[in-house]
Amino acid sequence: MRESTRPELRILAGLYVQNERSFVVRRCVQRFLAGEISSREAIARIRKHADVRDEDPDRPPDS
């Protein structure tokens, strides 16, 4: 878990809990835990997918 901030870890954990059945989310979290990608990169990859729920109140809605 290199170069991760607490807010990034909280966001990643929230995305996982909201979308634990999503292959994309599970794979990104696995790659993060293996040290292959950063938490920031995992979050960005997860958010690219339209089928992923992101109910983070601190994130502005997509326009």
N, C-alpha and C. Protein backbone atom coordinates (compact mmCIF):
# COMPACT_ATOMS: atom_id res chain seq x y z
N MET A 1 0.84 -1.18 0.00
CA MET A 1 0.00 0.00 0.00
C MET A 1 0.88 1.24 0.00
N ARG A 2 1.63 1.36 -1.03
CA ARG A 2 2.58 2.45 -1.12
C ARG A 2 1.90 3.76 -1.50
N GLU A 3 2.43 4.84 -0.98
CA GLU A 3 2.00 6.19 -1.33
C GLU A 3 0.49 6.38 -1.32
N SER A 4 -0.16 5.92 -0.28
CA SER A 4 -1.60 6.08 -0.17
C SER A 4 -1.92 7.00 1.01
N THR A 5 -2.88 7.86 0.81
CA THR A 5 -3.32 8.72 1.90
C THR A 5 -4.57 8.09 2.51
N ARG A 6 -4.87 8.47 3.72
CA ARG A 6 -6.07 7.94 4.38
C ARG A 6 -7.34 8.22 3.58
N PRO A 7 -7.51 9.44 3.04
CA PRO A 7 -8.72 9.69 2.25
C PRO A 7 -8.81 8.78 1.03
N GLU A 8 -7.68 8.52 0.37
CA GLU A 8 -7.70 7.63 -0.80
C GLU A 8 -8.08 6.21 -0.38
N LEU A 9 -7.55 5.75 0.74
CA LEU A 9 -7.90 4.41 1.21
C LEU A 9 -9.38 4.32 1.58
N ARG A 10 -9.91 5.39 2.17
CA ARG A 10 -11.32 5.43 2.53
C ARG A 10 -12.19 5.38 1.28
N ILE A 11 -11.82 6.12 0.27
CA ILE A 11 -12.58 6.13 -0.99
C ILE A 11 -12.53 4.75 -1.64
N LEU A 12 -11.34 4.16 -1.71
CA LEU A 12 -11.19 2.85 -2.31
C LEU A 12 -12.00 1.80 -1.55
N ALA A 13 -11.96 1.85 -0.24
CA ALA A 13 -12.75 0.92 0.56
C ALA A 13 -14.24 1.12 0.32
N GLY A 14 -14.67 2.37 0.24
CA GLY A 14 -16.09 2.65 -0.02
C GLY A 14 -16.53 2.14 -1.37
N LEU A 15 -15.70 2.33 -2.38
CA LEU A 15 -16.03 1.82 -3.72
C LEU A 15 -16.13 0.30 -3.70
N TYR A 16 -15.23 -0.33 -2.95
CA TYR A 16 -15.27 -1.79 -2.87
C TYR A 16 -16.56 -2.27 -2.18
N VAL A 17 -16.90 -1.67 -1.07
CA VAL A 17 -18.10 -2.08 -0.33
C VAL A 17 -19.36 -1.88 -1.18
N GLN A 18 -19.44 -0.78 -1.91
CA GLN A 18 -20.61 -0.49 -2.74
C GLN A 18 -20.69 -1.38 -3.97
N ASN A 19 -19.55 -1.91 -4.42
CA ASN A 19 -19.49 -2.62 -5.70
C ASN A 19 -18.74 -3.94 -5.60
N GLU A 20 -18.85 -4.63 -4.50
CA GLU A 20 -18.04 -5.83 -4.28
C GLU A 20 -18.30 -6.94 -5.29
N ARG A 21 -19.42 -6.91 -6.00
CA ARG A 21 -19.70 -7.94 -7.01
C ARG A 21 -19.10 -7.61 -8.37
N SER A 22 -18.58 -6.40 -8.52
CA SER A 22 -18.01 -5.98 -9.79
C SER A 22 -16.60 -6.56 -9.97
N PHE A 23 -16.40 -7.23 -11.11
CA PHE A 23 -15.08 -7.79 -11.40
C PHE A 23 -14.03 -6.69 -11.45
N VAL A 24 -14.38 -5.57 -12.09
CA VAL A 24 -13.43 -4.46 -12.24
C VAL A 24 -12.97 -3.97 -10.88
N VAL A 25 -13.90 -3.79 -9.98
CA VAL A 25 -13.57 -3.28 -8.64
C VAL A 25 -12.70 -4.29 -7.89
N ARG A 26 -13.11 -5.55 -7.90
CA ARG A 26 -12.32 -6.57 -7.20
C ARG A 26 -10.90 -6.66 -7.76
N ARG A 27 -10.78 -6.61 -9.07
CA ARG A 27 -9.46 -6.72 -9.70
C ARG A 27 -8.58 -5.51 -9.37
N CYS A 28 -9.15 -4.32 -9.40
CA CYS A 28 -8.37 -3.12 -9.06
C CYS A 28 -7.91 -3.16 -7.61
N VAL A 29 -8.77 -3.61 -6.71
CA VAL A 29 -8.38 -3.71 -5.30
C VAL A 29 -7.29 -4.77 -5.15
N GLN A 30 -7.41 -5.89 -5.84
CA GLN A 30 -6.37 -6.92 -5.78
C GLN A 30 -5.03 -6.37 -6.27
N ARG A 31 -5.06 -5.65 -7.38
CA ARG A 31 -3.82 -5.09 -7.93
C ARG A 31 -3.22 -4.06 -6.97
N PHE A 32 -4.08 -3.27 -6.32
CA PHE A 32 -3.60 -2.31 -5.33
C PHE A 32 -2.93 -3.03 -4.16
N LEU A 33 -3.59 -4.06 -3.64
CA LEU A 33 -3.04 -4.78 -2.50
C LEU A 33 -1.74 -5.50 -2.85
N ALA A 34 -1.58 -5.89 -4.10
CA ALA A 34 -0.36 -6.55 -4.54
C ALA A 34 0.76 -5.54 -4.82
N GLY A 35 0.44 -4.26 -4.76
CA GLY A 35 1.45 -3.22 -4.99
C GLY A 35 1.68 -2.93 -6.46
N GLU A 36 0.79 -3.41 -7.33
CA GLU A 36 0.95 -3.20 -8.77
C GLU A 36 0.50 -1.81 -9.21
N ILE A 37 -0.49 -1.24 -8.51
CA ILE A 37 -0.99 0.10 -8.83
C ILE A 37 -1.21 0.86 -7.53
N SER A 38 -1.25 2.17 -7.62
CA SER A 38 -1.49 3.01 -6.44
C SER A 38 -2.98 3.06 -6.15
N SER A 39 -3.32 3.52 -4.96
CA SER A 39 -4.74 3.67 -4.62
C SER A 39 -5.40 4.69 -5.53
N ARG A 40 -4.68 5.75 -5.86
CA ARG A 40 -5.22 6.79 -6.76
C ARG A 40 -5.53 6.21 -8.14
N GLU A 41 -4.63 5.38 -8.65
CA GLU A 41 -4.84 4.76 -9.96
C GLU A 41 -6.01 3.76 -9.90
N ALA A 42 -6.12 3.01 -8.81
CA ALA A 42 -7.23 2.06 -8.66
C ALA A 42 -8.56 2.81 -8.65
N ILE A 43 -8.63 3.90 -7.93
CA ILE A 43 -9.86 4.70 -7.86
C ILE A 43 -10.22 5.22 -9.25
N ALA A 44 -9.24 5.75 -9.96
CA ALA A 44 -9.49 6.29 -11.30
C ALA A 44 -10.00 5.21 -12.25
N ARG A 45 -9.39 4.03 -12.21
CA ARG A 45 -9.82 2.94 -13.08
C ARG A 45 -11.24 2.48 -12.74
N ILE A 46 -11.53 2.41 -11.47
CA ILE A 46 -12.87 1.99 -11.04
C ILE A 46 -13.91 3.00 -11.49
N ARG A 47 -13.62 4.27 -11.33
CA ARG A 47 -14.60 5.30 -11.67
C ARG A 47 -14.85 5.44 -13.17
N LYS A 48 -13.99 4.88 -14.00
CA LYS A 48 -14.18 4.93 -15.46
C LYS A 48 -15.35 4.06 -15.91
N HIS A 49 -15.74 3.10 -15.10
CA HIS A 49 -16.77 2.15 -15.50
C HIS A 49 -18.15 2.63 -15.09
N ALA A 50 -19.05 2.67 -16.05
CA ALA A 50 -20.40 3.20 -15.84
C ALA A 50 -21.23 2.34 -14.89
N ASP A 51 -20.93 1.05 -14.80
CA ASP A 51 -21.73 0.17 -13.95
C ASP A 51 -21.32 0.21 -12.48
N VAL A 52 -20.37 1.05 -12.14
CA VAL A 52 -19.87 1.14 -10.78
C VAL A 52 -20.58 2.27 -10.04
N ARG A 53 -21.12 1.94 -8.86
CA ARG A 53 -21.76 2.95 -8.02
C ARG A 53 -20.68 3.71 -7.26
N ASP A 54 -20.85 5.03 -7.18
CA ASP A 54 -19.92 5.86 -6.42
C ASP A 54 -20.75 6.88 -5.66
N GLU A 55 -21.05 6.58 -4.43
CA GLU A 55 -21.89 7.45 -3.62
C GLU A 55 -21.06 8.22 -2.61
N ASP A 56 -19.95 8.77 -3.06
CA ASP A 56 -19.07 9.55 -2.21
C ASP A 56 -19.64 10.97 -2.12
N PRO A 57 -20.09 11.39 -0.95
CA PRO A 57 -20.68 12.73 -0.82
C PRO A 57 -19.68 13.86 -1.04
N ASP A 58 -18.39 13.57 -0.95
CA ASP A 58 -17.37 14.60 -1.14
C ASP A 58 -16.97 14.76 -2.60
N ARG A 59 -17.49 13.92 -3.47
CA ARG A 59 -17.14 13.98 -4.89
C ARG A 59 -18.25 14.67 -5.67
N PRO A 60 -17.91 15.70 -6.44
CA PRO A 60 -18.95 16.38 -7.21
C PRO A 60 -19.51 15.46 -8.29
N PRO A 61 -20.79 15.60 -8.64
CA PRO A 61 -21.39 14.75 -9.67
C PRO A 61 -20.75 15.00 -11.02
N ASP A 62 -20.73 13.95 -11.87
CA ASP A 62 -20.19 14.08 -13.22
C ASP A 62 -21.11 14.97 -14.04
N SER A 63 -20.49 15.80 -14.90
CA SER A 63 -21.29 16.69 -15.73
C SER A 63 -21.29 16.21 -17.16
